N, C-alpha and C. Protein backbone atom coordinates (compact mmCIF):
# COMPACT_ATOMS: atom_id res chain seq x y z
N MET A 1 -3.68 5.11 -27.06
CA MET A 1 -4.06 4.44 -25.83
C MET A 1 -4.63 3.14 -25.89
N ALA A 2 -3.97 2.62 -25.31
CA ALA A 2 -3.87 0.98 -25.42
C ALA A 2 -5.98 0.56 -24.47
N SER A 3 -6.77 -0.25 -25.32
CA SER A 3 -8.08 -0.54 -23.85
C SER A 3 -7.65 -2.11 -23.97
N TYR A 4 -9.18 -2.07 -22.86
CA TYR A 4 -9.15 -3.48 -22.66
C TYR A 4 -10.91 -3.97 -22.80
N ASN A 5 -11.20 -4.75 -23.50
CA ASN A 5 -12.37 -6.09 -23.85
C ASN A 5 -12.98 -6.21 -22.82
N THR A 6 -14.00 -6.37 -22.68
CA THR A 6 -14.54 -6.52 -21.62
C THR A 6 -13.86 -8.51 -21.04
N SER A 7 -13.63 -9.21 -22.12
CA SER A 7 -13.14 -10.67 -22.22
C SER A 7 -11.50 -10.63 -21.50
N GLU A 8 -11.01 -9.54 -21.09
CA GLU A 8 -9.46 -9.21 -20.84
C GLU A 8 -10.48 -8.96 -19.24
N PHE A 9 -11.02 -8.19 -19.03
CA PHE A 9 -10.96 -7.81 -17.58
C PHE A 9 -10.75 -8.79 -16.22
N ARG A 10 -10.20 -8.81 -15.27
CA ARG A 10 -10.18 -9.38 -14.95
C ARG A 10 -9.71 -8.41 -13.42
N LYS A 11 -8.86 -9.12 -12.32
CA LYS A 11 -8.74 -8.48 -10.88
C LYS A 11 -6.98 -8.03 -11.23
N GLY A 12 -6.93 -7.01 -10.87
CA GLY A 12 -6.14 -5.87 -10.60
C GLY A 12 -5.92 -5.23 -12.00
N LEU A 13 -6.57 -5.56 -12.62
CA LEU A 13 -6.16 -4.60 -14.28
C LEU A 13 -7.23 -2.99 -13.98
N LYS A 14 -5.14 -2.64 -14.27
CA LYS A 14 -5.72 -0.76 -13.97
C LYS A 14 -6.01 0.31 -15.42
N VAL A 15 -7.08 0.49 -15.29
CA VAL A 15 -7.97 1.66 -15.83
C VAL A 15 -8.71 2.28 -15.98
N GLN A 16 -8.58 3.30 -16.82
CA GLN A 16 -9.08 5.14 -16.69
C GLN A 16 -10.58 4.93 -17.02
N ILE A 17 -11.37 5.67 -15.95
CA ILE A 17 -12.86 5.91 -16.35
C ILE A 17 -12.54 7.34 -15.94
N ASP A 18 -13.30 8.33 -16.75
CA ASP A 18 -13.73 9.75 -16.98
C ASP A 18 -12.25 10.21 -16.47
N GLY A 19 -11.05 10.03 -16.95
CA GLY A 19 -9.51 10.60 -16.96
C GLY A 19 -9.08 10.53 -15.74
N ASP A 20 -10.08 9.01 -14.51
CA ASP A 20 -9.01 8.93 -13.22
C ASP A 20 -8.66 7.33 -13.54
N PRO A 21 -7.60 6.90 -12.89
CA PRO A 21 -7.28 5.79 -12.96
C PRO A 21 -8.33 5.18 -11.77
N TYR A 22 -8.31 3.85 -11.97
CA TYR A 22 -8.92 2.57 -11.17
C TYR A 22 -8.85 1.56 -11.23
N LEU A 23 -8.21 0.94 -9.97
CA LEU A 23 -8.13 -1.20 -9.76
C LEU A 23 -9.24 -1.74 -9.97
N MET A 24 -8.69 -2.42 -10.89
CA MET A 24 -10.26 -3.68 -10.77
C MET A 24 -10.38 -4.99 -9.45
N LEU A 25 -10.11 -4.57 -8.33
CA LEU A 25 -11.33 -4.83 -7.94
C LEU A 25 -11.48 -6.75 -7.32
N GLU A 26 -12.15 -6.77 -7.75
CA GLU A 26 -13.09 -8.21 -8.84
C GLU A 26 -14.20 -7.72 -10.38
N CYS A 27 -14.29 -8.72 -10.05
CA CYS A 27 -14.80 -8.77 -11.58
C CYS A 27 -15.67 -10.30 -11.93
N ASN A 28 -16.91 -10.13 -12.03
CA ASN A 28 -17.91 -11.61 -11.95
C ASN A 28 -18.84 -11.16 -12.90
N PHE A 29 -18.56 -12.47 -14.34
CA PHE A 29 -19.05 -12.81 -15.34
C PHE A 29 -20.91 -12.68 -15.23
N VAL A 30 -21.22 -12.10 -15.56
CA VAL A 30 -23.06 -12.66 -14.83
C VAL A 30 -23.66 -12.68 -15.86
N LYS A 31 -23.77 -14.53 -16.86
CA LYS A 31 -25.11 -14.66 -17.86
C LYS A 31 -26.53 -14.80 -17.61
N PRO A 32 -27.31 -13.39 -17.18
CA PRO A 32 -28.93 -14.30 -17.35
C PRO A 32 -28.98 -14.98 -18.70
N GLY A 33 -30.50 -15.44 -17.58
CA GLY A 33 -31.45 -16.76 -18.82
C GLY A 33 -31.36 -16.14 -20.34
N LYS A 34 -31.65 -14.79 -20.12
CA LYS A 34 -32.30 -14.29 -21.38
C LYS A 34 -31.35 -12.62 -21.52
N GLY A 35 -31.11 -11.92 -22.01
CA GLY A 35 -30.60 -10.97 -22.47
C GLY A 35 -28.60 -11.31 -23.38
N GLN A 36 -28.32 -10.04 -22.68
CA GLN A 36 -26.91 -9.90 -23.26
C GLN A 36 -25.81 -10.41 -21.62
N ALA A 37 -24.88 -10.88 -22.50
CA ALA A 37 -24.08 -11.34 -20.69
C ALA A 37 -23.29 -9.31 -19.65
N MET A 38 -23.24 -9.96 -18.95
CA MET A 38 -22.30 -8.69 -18.16
C MET A 38 -21.46 -8.72 -17.61
N TYR A 39 -20.63 -8.21 -17.25
CA TYR A 39 -19.33 -8.10 -16.15
C TYR A 39 -19.70 -7.03 -15.23
N LYS A 40 -19.79 -7.35 -14.01
CA LYS A 40 -20.12 -6.42 -13.02
C LYS A 40 -19.22 -6.38 -12.24
N CYS A 41 -18.16 -5.35 -11.99
CA CYS A 41 -17.03 -4.89 -11.69
C CYS A 41 -17.32 -4.22 -9.95
N ARG A 42 -16.15 -4.46 -9.47
CA ARG A 42 -15.57 -3.17 -8.78
C ARG A 42 -13.98 -2.62 -8.52
N LEU A 43 -14.15 -1.38 -8.57
CA LEU A 43 -12.67 -0.79 -9.12
C LEU A 43 -12.51 0.33 -7.61
N ARG A 44 -11.22 0.54 -7.74
CA ARG A 44 -11.24 1.25 -6.27
C ARG A 44 -10.57 2.64 -6.52
N ASN A 45 -10.47 3.49 -7.26
CA ASN A 45 -10.44 4.73 -7.52
C ASN A 45 -8.65 4.75 -7.12
N LEU A 46 -7.97 5.49 -7.55
CA LEU A 46 -6.09 5.28 -7.15
C LEU A 46 -5.68 6.57 -6.29
N VAL A 47 -6.62 7.01 -7.00
CA VAL A 47 -6.13 8.73 -6.27
C VAL A 47 -6.69 9.34 -5.51
N ARG A 48 -8.03 8.72 -5.25
CA ARG A 48 -8.93 9.49 -4.00
C ARG A 48 -9.38 8.20 -2.69
N ASN A 49 -9.73 7.37 -3.96
CA ASN A 49 -9.17 5.26 -2.30
C ASN A 49 -10.88 5.73 -1.91
N THR A 50 -11.84 5.68 -3.43
CA THR A 50 -12.77 5.40 -2.95
C THR A 50 -13.28 4.23 -4.35
N VAL A 51 -14.17 3.59 -4.00
CA VAL A 51 -14.76 2.31 -4.53
C VAL A 51 -15.70 2.54 -4.90
N LEU A 52 -16.34 2.11 -6.11
CA LEU A 52 -17.38 2.19 -6.98
C LEU A 52 -17.21 0.54 -7.52
N ASP A 53 -18.77 1.03 -7.67
CA ASP A 53 -19.66 -0.85 -8.88
C ASP A 53 -19.73 -0.25 -9.87
N ARG A 54 -19.48 -0.92 -11.05
CA ARG A 54 -19.68 -0.38 -12.54
C ARG A 54 -20.16 -1.88 -13.08
N THR A 55 -21.32 -2.06 -13.45
CA THR A 55 -21.10 -3.39 -15.32
C THR A 55 -21.32 -2.31 -16.48
N TRP A 56 -20.62 -3.54 -17.32
CA TRP A 56 -20.31 -3.39 -18.40
C TRP A 56 -21.24 -4.30 -19.78
N LYS A 57 -21.75 -3.96 -20.05
CA LYS A 57 -22.12 -5.14 -21.35
C LYS A 57 -21.22 -5.94 -21.63
N SER A 58 -21.26 -6.62 -22.83
CA SER A 58 -20.42 -8.03 -23.27
C SER A 58 -19.97 -7.59 -24.21
N GLY A 59 -18.46 -6.93 -24.45
CA GLY A 59 -18.41 -5.79 -25.97
C GLY A 59 -17.97 -4.56 -25.84
N ASP A 60 -18.10 -4.28 -24.40
CA ASP A 60 -18.15 -2.61 -24.39
C ASP A 60 -16.25 -2.99 -24.22
N SER A 61 -15.59 -1.63 -23.79
CA SER A 61 -14.23 -1.58 -23.39
C SER A 61 -13.84 -0.16 -22.67
N LEU A 62 -12.24 -0.84 -22.41
CA LEU A 62 -12.49 -0.04 -21.34
C LEU A 62 -10.88 1.02 -21.36
N GLU A 63 -10.80 2.42 -21.77
CA GLU A 63 -9.00 2.70 -21.92
C GLU A 63 -8.42 2.43 -20.78
N ALA A 64 -6.94 1.71 -20.61
CA ALA A 64 -6.05 1.16 -20.03
C ALA A 64 -5.20 2.82 -19.34
N ALA A 65 -5.15 2.99 -17.90
CA ALA A 65 -4.58 4.05 -17.54
C ALA A 65 -2.82 3.54 -17.46
N ASP A 66 -2.29 4.86 -18.10
CA ASP A 66 -1.49 5.18 -17.25
C ASP A 66 -0.67 4.70 -16.79
N VAL A 67 -0.41 4.01 -16.00
CA VAL A 67 0.16 4.39 -14.82
C VAL A 67 1.22 2.61 -14.15
N GLU A 68 1.85 3.68 -13.54
CA GLU A 68 3.46 2.61 -13.82
C GLU A 68 3.78 2.24 -12.52
N GLU A 69 3.90 2.22 -12.31
CA GLU A 69 5.44 1.69 -10.66
C GLU A 69 6.44 1.57 -10.92
N VAL A 70 7.43 2.69 -10.08
CA VAL A 70 9.04 2.61 -9.75
C VAL A 70 9.19 2.85 -8.81
N GLU A 71 10.82 2.01 -8.97
CA GLU A 71 11.13 1.91 -7.39
C GLU A 71 12.31 3.04 -7.16
N ALA A 72 12.03 3.77 -5.42
CA ALA A 72 12.64 5.12 -5.83
C ALA A 72 13.03 4.94 -3.53
N GLN A 73 14.26 5.30 -3.83
CA GLN A 73 14.75 5.44 -2.46
C GLN A 73 14.15 6.36 -1.12
N TYR A 74 13.62 5.88 -0.57
CA TYR A 74 12.91 7.33 1.03
C TYR A 74 14.39 8.27 1.45
N LEU A 75 13.67 9.82 1.03
CA LEU A 75 15.71 10.16 1.88
C LEU A 75 14.49 10.97 2.78
N TYR A 76 14.15 11.64 2.66
CA TYR A 76 13.82 12.66 4.51
C TYR A 76 12.47 13.46 4.23
N ARG A 77 12.09 13.29 5.39
CA ARG A 77 10.39 13.95 5.72
C ARG A 77 11.15 15.31 5.67
N GLN A 78 9.95 16.52 4.83
CA GLN A 78 10.16 17.85 4.97
C GLN A 78 8.91 18.38 5.62
N ALA A 79 8.59 18.35 7.04
CA ALA A 79 7.27 19.02 7.74
C ALA A 79 5.87 17.50 6.95
N ASP A 80 5.19 17.58 5.81
CA ASP A 80 4.07 16.94 5.87
C ASP A 80 4.40 16.81 4.11
N THR A 81 5.71 16.63 4.18
CA THR A 81 5.93 16.20 2.85
C THR A 81 7.22 14.94 2.30
N PHE A 82 6.99 14.42 2.13
CA PHE A 82 7.93 13.13 1.88
C PHE A 82 8.64 13.00 0.59
N VAL A 83 10.41 13.09 0.90
CA VAL A 83 10.82 13.41 -0.65
C VAL A 83 11.26 11.94 -0.83
N PHE A 84 11.26 11.86 -2.28
CA PHE A 84 11.42 10.24 -2.53
C PHE A 84 13.15 10.63 -3.69
N MET A 85 13.68 9.25 -3.74
CA MET A 85 14.12 9.70 -5.42
C MET A 85 14.11 8.35 -5.86
N ASP A 86 13.83 7.98 -8.06
CA ASP A 86 13.76 7.36 -8.07
C ASP A 86 15.12 6.63 -8.60
N THR A 87 15.42 5.36 -8.18
CA THR A 87 16.90 4.69 -8.14
C THR A 87 17.17 4.73 -9.78
N ASN A 88 17.01 4.73 -10.39
CA ASN A 88 16.69 4.76 -12.01
C ASN A 88 17.57 6.27 -12.71
N THR A 89 16.83 7.05 -12.29
CA THR A 89 16.11 7.72 -12.95
C THR A 89 17.02 9.09 -12.03
N TYR A 90 16.97 8.93 -11.13
CA TYR A 90 17.82 9.92 -9.62
C TYR A 90 16.41 11.46 -9.91
N GLU A 91 15.90 11.05 -10.36
CA GLU A 91 14.31 11.38 -10.35
C GLU A 91 14.32 11.95 -9.03
N GLN A 92 13.64 13.32 -8.30
CA GLN A 92 13.31 12.87 -7.87
C GLN A 92 11.76 13.65 -7.00
N TYR A 93 10.80 12.29 -6.67
CA TYR A 93 9.65 12.93 -6.17
C TYR A 93 9.16 13.92 -4.65
N GLU A 94 8.73 14.53 -4.65
CA GLU A 94 7.74 15.35 -3.04
C GLU A 94 6.25 14.33 -3.01
N ILE A 95 5.87 13.89 -2.56
CA ILE A 95 4.32 13.17 -1.98
C ILE A 95 4.22 13.42 -0.72
N ASP A 96 3.27 14.33 -0.30
CA ASP A 96 2.10 14.50 0.14
C ASP A 96 1.80 13.70 1.50
N LYS A 97 1.90 13.51 2.24
CA LYS A 97 1.65 13.13 3.73
C LYS A 97 -0.08 12.27 3.35
N ASP A 98 -1.21 12.75 2.79
CA ASP A 98 -2.38 12.38 2.43
C ASP A 98 -1.95 10.75 1.47
N LEU A 99 -1.16 11.11 0.27
CA LEU A 99 -0.63 9.76 -0.60
C LEU A 99 -0.27 8.90 -0.27
N VAL A 100 1.04 9.15 1.15
CA VAL A 100 1.24 8.16 1.54
C VAL A 100 0.76 7.67 2.57
N ASP A 101 -0.56 8.58 3.61
CA ASP A 101 -1.23 7.62 3.61
C ASP A 101 -0.33 6.77 5.60
N ASP A 102 -1.06 5.81 5.66
CA ASP A 102 -0.29 4.73 6.75
C ASP A 102 0.91 3.88 6.72
N ALA A 103 2.18 4.57 5.38
CA ALA A 103 3.07 4.15 5.44
C ALA A 103 3.76 4.67 5.87
N TRP A 104 3.90 6.20 6.76
CA TRP A 104 4.98 7.00 6.88
C TRP A 104 4.85 5.69 8.73
N LYS A 105 4.63 4.80 9.05
CA LYS A 105 4.49 4.21 10.05
C LYS A 105 6.08 3.23 10.15
N TYR A 106 5.91 2.75 8.39
CA TYR A 106 7.48 2.20 8.05
C TYR A 106 8.56 2.30 7.97
N LEU A 107 8.38 3.99 7.26
CA LEU A 107 9.57 4.19 6.11
C LEU A 107 11.01 4.95 7.50
N LYS A 108 11.65 3.94 6.69
CA LYS A 108 12.80 4.96 7.44
C LYS A 108 14.21 5.34 6.52
N GLU A 109 15.06 6.55 6.52
CA GLU A 109 15.91 6.63 5.11
C GLU A 109 16.53 6.11 4.97
N GLY A 110 16.39 5.39 3.31
CA GLY A 110 17.30 5.12 2.58
C GLY A 110 16.98 3.55 1.90
N MET A 111 15.07 4.12 2.87
CA MET A 111 13.97 2.54 2.25
C MET A 111 14.21 2.73 0.85
N VAL A 112 14.02 1.46 0.07
CA VAL A 112 13.47 1.68 -1.11
C VAL A 112 11.70 1.15 -1.05
N CYS A 113 11.28 2.20 -1.71
CA CYS A 113 9.46 1.50 -1.97
C CYS A 113 9.50 2.02 -3.27
N SER A 114 8.31 1.70 -2.96
CA SER A 114 7.40 1.17 -4.60
C SER A 114 6.35 2.67 -4.49
N ILE A 115 6.50 3.14 -6.01
CA ILE A 115 6.26 4.80 -6.04
C ILE A 115 4.55 4.60 -7.19
N MET A 116 3.81 4.40 -7.38
CA MET A 116 2.73 4.59 -8.70
C MET A 116 2.53 5.82 -8.64
N LEU A 117 2.31 5.86 -10.27
CA LEU A 117 2.67 6.97 -10.72
C LEU A 117 1.52 6.75 -12.11
N PHE A 118 0.89 7.92 -12.14
CA PHE A 118 -0.54 8.38 -12.91
C PHE A 118 0.11 9.53 -13.78
N ASN A 119 -0.07 9.25 -15.22
CA ASN A 119 0.69 10.21 -16.45
C ASN A 119 1.61 11.47 -15.46
N ASN A 120 3.33 10.04 -15.02
CA ASN A 120 4.20 10.84 -14.22
C ASN A 120 4.20 11.84 -12.78
N GLN A 121 2.81 12.21 -12.25
CA GLN A 121 2.13 11.74 -10.95
C GLN A 121 2.47 11.11 -10.24
N PRO A 122 3.05 11.74 -8.86
CA PRO A 122 2.38 10.17 -7.57
C PRO A 122 1.65 10.27 -7.46
N ILE A 123 0.87 8.99 -7.62
CA ILE A 123 -1.23 8.50 -6.99
C ILE A 123 -0.62 7.88 -5.77
N GLY A 124 0.37 7.57 -5.19
CA GLY A 124 0.94 6.63 -3.89
C GLY A 124 2.01 5.86 -3.91
N ILE A 125 2.62 4.72 -2.58
CA ILE A 125 3.41 4.53 -2.00
C ILE A 125 3.33 3.15 -2.24
N THR A 126 3.85 2.04 -1.72
CA THR A 126 4.00 0.86 -1.16
C THR A 126 5.71 0.59 -0.47
N PRO A 127 5.13 0.38 0.46
CA PRO A 127 6.81 -0.55 1.22
C PRO A 127 7.32 -1.46 1.12
N PRO A 128 8.55 -1.84 1.33
CA PRO A 128 8.93 -3.07 1.36
C PRO A 128 7.82 -4.27 2.57
N ASN A 129 7.35 -5.26 2.26
CA ASN A 129 6.17 -6.16 2.71
C ASN A 129 6.71 -6.18 3.94
N HIS A 130 8.00 -6.39 4.52
CA HIS A 130 8.48 -6.80 5.73
C HIS A 130 9.97 -6.05 6.29
N VAL A 131 9.54 -4.85 7.26
CA VAL A 131 10.90 -3.85 7.29
C VAL A 131 11.34 -3.99 8.79
N VAL A 132 11.91 -3.70 9.31
CA VAL A 132 12.94 -3.67 10.46
C VAL A 132 13.16 -2.41 10.91
N LEU A 133 12.54 -2.00 13.11
CA LEU A 133 12.38 -0.87 12.93
C LEU A 133 13.21 -1.74 14.68
N LYS A 134 13.53 -0.01 14.97
CA LYS A 134 13.91 -0.55 16.41
C LYS A 134 13.33 -0.37 17.12
N VAL A 135 12.78 -0.38 18.00
CA VAL A 135 11.85 0.21 19.33
C VAL A 135 12.51 1.04 20.30
N GLU A 136 12.33 1.83 20.65
CA GLU A 136 12.18 3.20 21.32
C GLU A 136 12.45 4.09 22.39
N TYR A 137 10.73 2.89 22.97
CA TYR A 137 10.54 2.94 23.73
C TYR A 137 8.92 1.76 24.18
N CYS A 138 8.82 1.44 25.42
CA CYS A 138 7.99 0.93 25.61
C CYS A 138 8.00 0.30 27.55
N GLU A 139 6.87 0.10 27.88
CA GLU A 139 6.72 -0.18 29.28
C GLU A 139 7.25 -1.38 29.54
N PRO A 140 8.19 -2.48 30.31
CA PRO A 140 8.70 -3.10 30.84
C PRO A 140 7.92 -4.93 31.20
N GLY A 141 8.15 -6.09 30.15
CA GLY A 141 6.74 -6.90 30.25
C GLY A 141 6.30 -6.70 31.97
N ALA A 142 5.63 -7.73 31.93
CA ALA A 142 5.14 -7.84 33.82
C ALA A 142 6.05 -9.29 33.67
N LYS A 143 6.29 -9.27 34.49
CA LYS A 143 6.57 -11.01 35.60
C LYS A 143 5.69 -12.30 35.40
N GLY A 144 5.68 -13.75 34.40
CA GLY A 144 4.31 -14.18 34.99
C GLY A 144 3.85 -14.40 33.22
N ASN A 145 3.79 -13.29 32.53
CA ASN A 145 2.76 -12.75 31.20
C ASN A 145 3.63 -13.77 30.29
N THR A 146 3.50 -14.61 30.65
CA THR A 146 4.54 -15.88 29.16
C THR A 146 3.49 -16.53 28.87
N ALA A 147 2.39 -16.90 29.55
CA ALA A 147 1.30 -18.33 28.75
C ALA A 147 0.58 -17.71 28.36
N THR A 148 0.36 -16.69 28.09
CA THR A 148 -1.02 -16.76 26.72
C THR A 148 -0.23 -15.20 26.16
N ASN A 149 -1.04 -14.84 25.52
CA ASN A 149 -0.60 -13.94 24.51
C ASN A 149 -0.60 -12.47 24.56
N VAL A 150 0.38 -12.33 25.64
CA VAL A 150 -0.52 -10.90 26.02
C VAL A 150 0.54 -10.07 25.34
N THR A 151 0.53 -8.89 24.96
CA THR A 151 0.88 -7.86 24.29
C THR A 151 0.89 -6.37 24.91
N LYS A 152 1.76 -5.23 24.23
CA LYS A 152 1.69 -4.49 24.77
C LYS A 152 2.25 -3.15 23.56
N PRO A 153 2.37 -1.72 23.62
CA PRO A 153 2.14 -0.77 22.53
C PRO A 153 3.65 -0.52 22.80
N SER A 154 4.73 -0.29 21.60
CA SER A 154 5.58 -0.30 21.54
C SER A 154 6.37 0.85 20.55
N GLU A 155 6.88 1.46 20.45
CA GLU A 155 6.55 2.92 19.41
C GLU A 155 8.27 2.55 19.78
N VAL A 156 8.30 2.69 18.01
CA VAL A 156 9.20 2.30 17.24
C VAL A 156 10.29 3.76 16.80
N GLU A 157 11.60 4.09 16.08
CA GLU A 157 12.14 4.61 15.52
C GLU A 157 11.65 5.75 14.76
N THR A 158 10.58 5.36 14.27
CA THR A 158 10.11 6.26 12.75
C THR A 158 8.32 7.18 13.41
N GLY A 159 8.06 6.67 14.66
CA GLY A 159 6.92 7.32 15.69
C GLY A 159 5.85 6.38 15.99
N ALA A 160 5.38 5.59 15.63
CA ALA A 160 5.05 4.20 15.01
C ALA A 160 4.98 3.52 16.22
N THR A 161 3.65 3.46 16.69
CA THR A 161 3.33 2.54 17.68
C THR A 161 2.66 0.73 17.31
N ILE A 162 3.51 -0.26 17.79
CA ILE A 162 3.31 -1.35 17.02
C ILE A 162 2.94 -1.95 18.76
N GLU A 163 1.87 -2.69 18.16
CA GLU A 163 1.86 -3.36 19.72
C GLU A 163 2.61 -5.27 19.11
N CYS A 164 4.10 -4.99 20.06
CA CYS A 164 4.27 -6.03 20.42
C CYS A 164 4.00 -7.20 22.12
N PRO A 165 4.92 -8.77 21.38
CA PRO A 165 5.10 -9.57 22.67
C PRO A 165 5.95 -8.60 23.89
N SER A 166 4.74 -9.35 25.46
CA SER A 166 5.91 -8.46 26.28
C SER A 166 7.31 -8.59 26.82
N PHE A 167 7.61 -9.48 26.13
CA PHE A 167 9.18 -9.65 25.65
C PHE A 167 9.70 -8.10 25.06
N VAL A 168 9.23 -7.85 24.63
CA VAL A 168 10.38 -7.20 23.54
C VAL A 168 10.62 -5.75 24.64
N ASP A 169 12.22 -5.51 24.47
CA ASP A 169 12.64 -4.64 25.52
C ASP A 169 12.56 -3.50 24.38
N ILE A 170 13.44 -2.18 24.59
CA ILE A 170 13.98 -0.46 24.61
C ILE A 170 14.79 -1.74 23.47
N GLY A 171 15.41 -0.73 22.38
CA GLY A 171 16.72 -1.59 22.12
C GLY A 171 16.18 -2.43 21.47
N ASP A 172 15.72 -3.48 20.75
CA ASP A 172 14.92 -4.22 20.52
C ASP A 172 14.98 -4.08 19.30
N MET A 173 15.35 -5.27 18.16
CA MET A 173 14.79 -5.15 16.65
C MET A 173 13.51 -6.06 16.42
N ILE A 174 12.77 -5.52 15.84
CA ILE A 174 11.41 -5.78 15.35
C ILE A 174 11.35 -5.90 13.64
N ARG A 175 10.93 -7.52 13.04
CA ARG A 175 10.25 -7.26 12.74
C ARG A 175 8.74 -7.05 11.97
N VAL A 176 8.47 -6.05 11.34
CA VAL A 176 6.58 -5.87 11.29
C VAL A 176 6.62 -6.20 9.49
N ASP A 177 4.87 -6.70 9.24
CA ASP A 177 4.16 -6.57 8.01
C ASP A 177 3.58 -5.15 8.80
N THR A 178 3.85 -4.89 7.33
CA THR A 178 3.64 -3.13 6.13
C THR A 178 2.18 -3.66 6.21
N ARG A 179 1.51 -4.65 5.47
CA ARG A 179 0.43 -4.49 4.93
C ARG A 179 -0.59 -4.90 6.13
N THR A 180 -0.07 -5.54 7.17
CA THR A 180 -1.31 -5.53 8.03
C THR A 180 -0.88 -4.48 9.69
N GLY A 181 0.71 -3.91 9.36
CA GLY A 181 0.97 -3.36 10.93
C GLY A 181 1.23 -4.52 12.18
N ALA A 182 1.61 -5.96 11.83
CA ALA A 182 1.43 -6.27 12.91
C ALA A 182 3.35 -7.16 13.74
N TYR A 183 3.65 -6.82 14.50
CA TYR A 183 4.41 -7.90 15.11
C TYR A 183 4.60 -9.40 14.28
N ILE A 184 6.33 -9.44 13.84
CA ILE A 184 6.16 -10.64 13.43
C ILE A 184 7.10 -11.83 14.14
N GLU A 185 8.17 -10.83 14.13
CA GLU A 185 10.03 -11.06 15.74
C GLU A 185 10.19 -10.39 15.61
N ARG A 186 11.35 -10.85 16.43
CA ARG A 186 12.92 -10.19 16.41
C ARG A 186 13.46 -10.87 16.16
N ALA A 187 13.86 -9.18 15.41
CA ALA A 187 15.36 -10.03 14.15
C ALA A 187 16.56 -9.35 14.58
N ARG A 188 17.34 -9.91 13.89
CA ARG A 188 18.52 -9.56 14.45
C ARG A 188 19.23 -9.29 13.56
N GLU A 189 19.52 -7.50 13.65
CA GLU A 189 20.41 -6.59 12.91
C GLU A 189 20.88 -6.16 13.86
């Protein structure tokens, strides 16, 4: 198994600690006036989504996590399970709603997402950065509310509620940023 020396520590590195995969969120080099140099790191557990702070001495090493990302197409939802298919091998993955987290708000059938696998088991999904969704229901906009940034809740085809400007109507296609959940613009599709 590959390993990383402390000199190779950097943000975005995927390492394994006590059998769990971690993503390095930040890594700071600290050289005290006396003694050995240290690396203070903040890591996020990719399975449990918890954050951990650890310090390593110069010369220590960590095992590389067996984490890979594959392109997969979202097929359908069955109760609390989301079904995806690897676009290269046609292997299907059933992912529990807890691992999908808030990404369900942006999933449309046929959409290609990125699935993170640890030891060939799915541990999370990442939808595309921007998706186009159809507005299924929203209150009509009030006349004269165009001078300021007035927003209203709009329910989209996936069942999620997105805050949109008051000029958005039922049937409009809107572009949404999946990283923040924010409305970007009306789409032409």
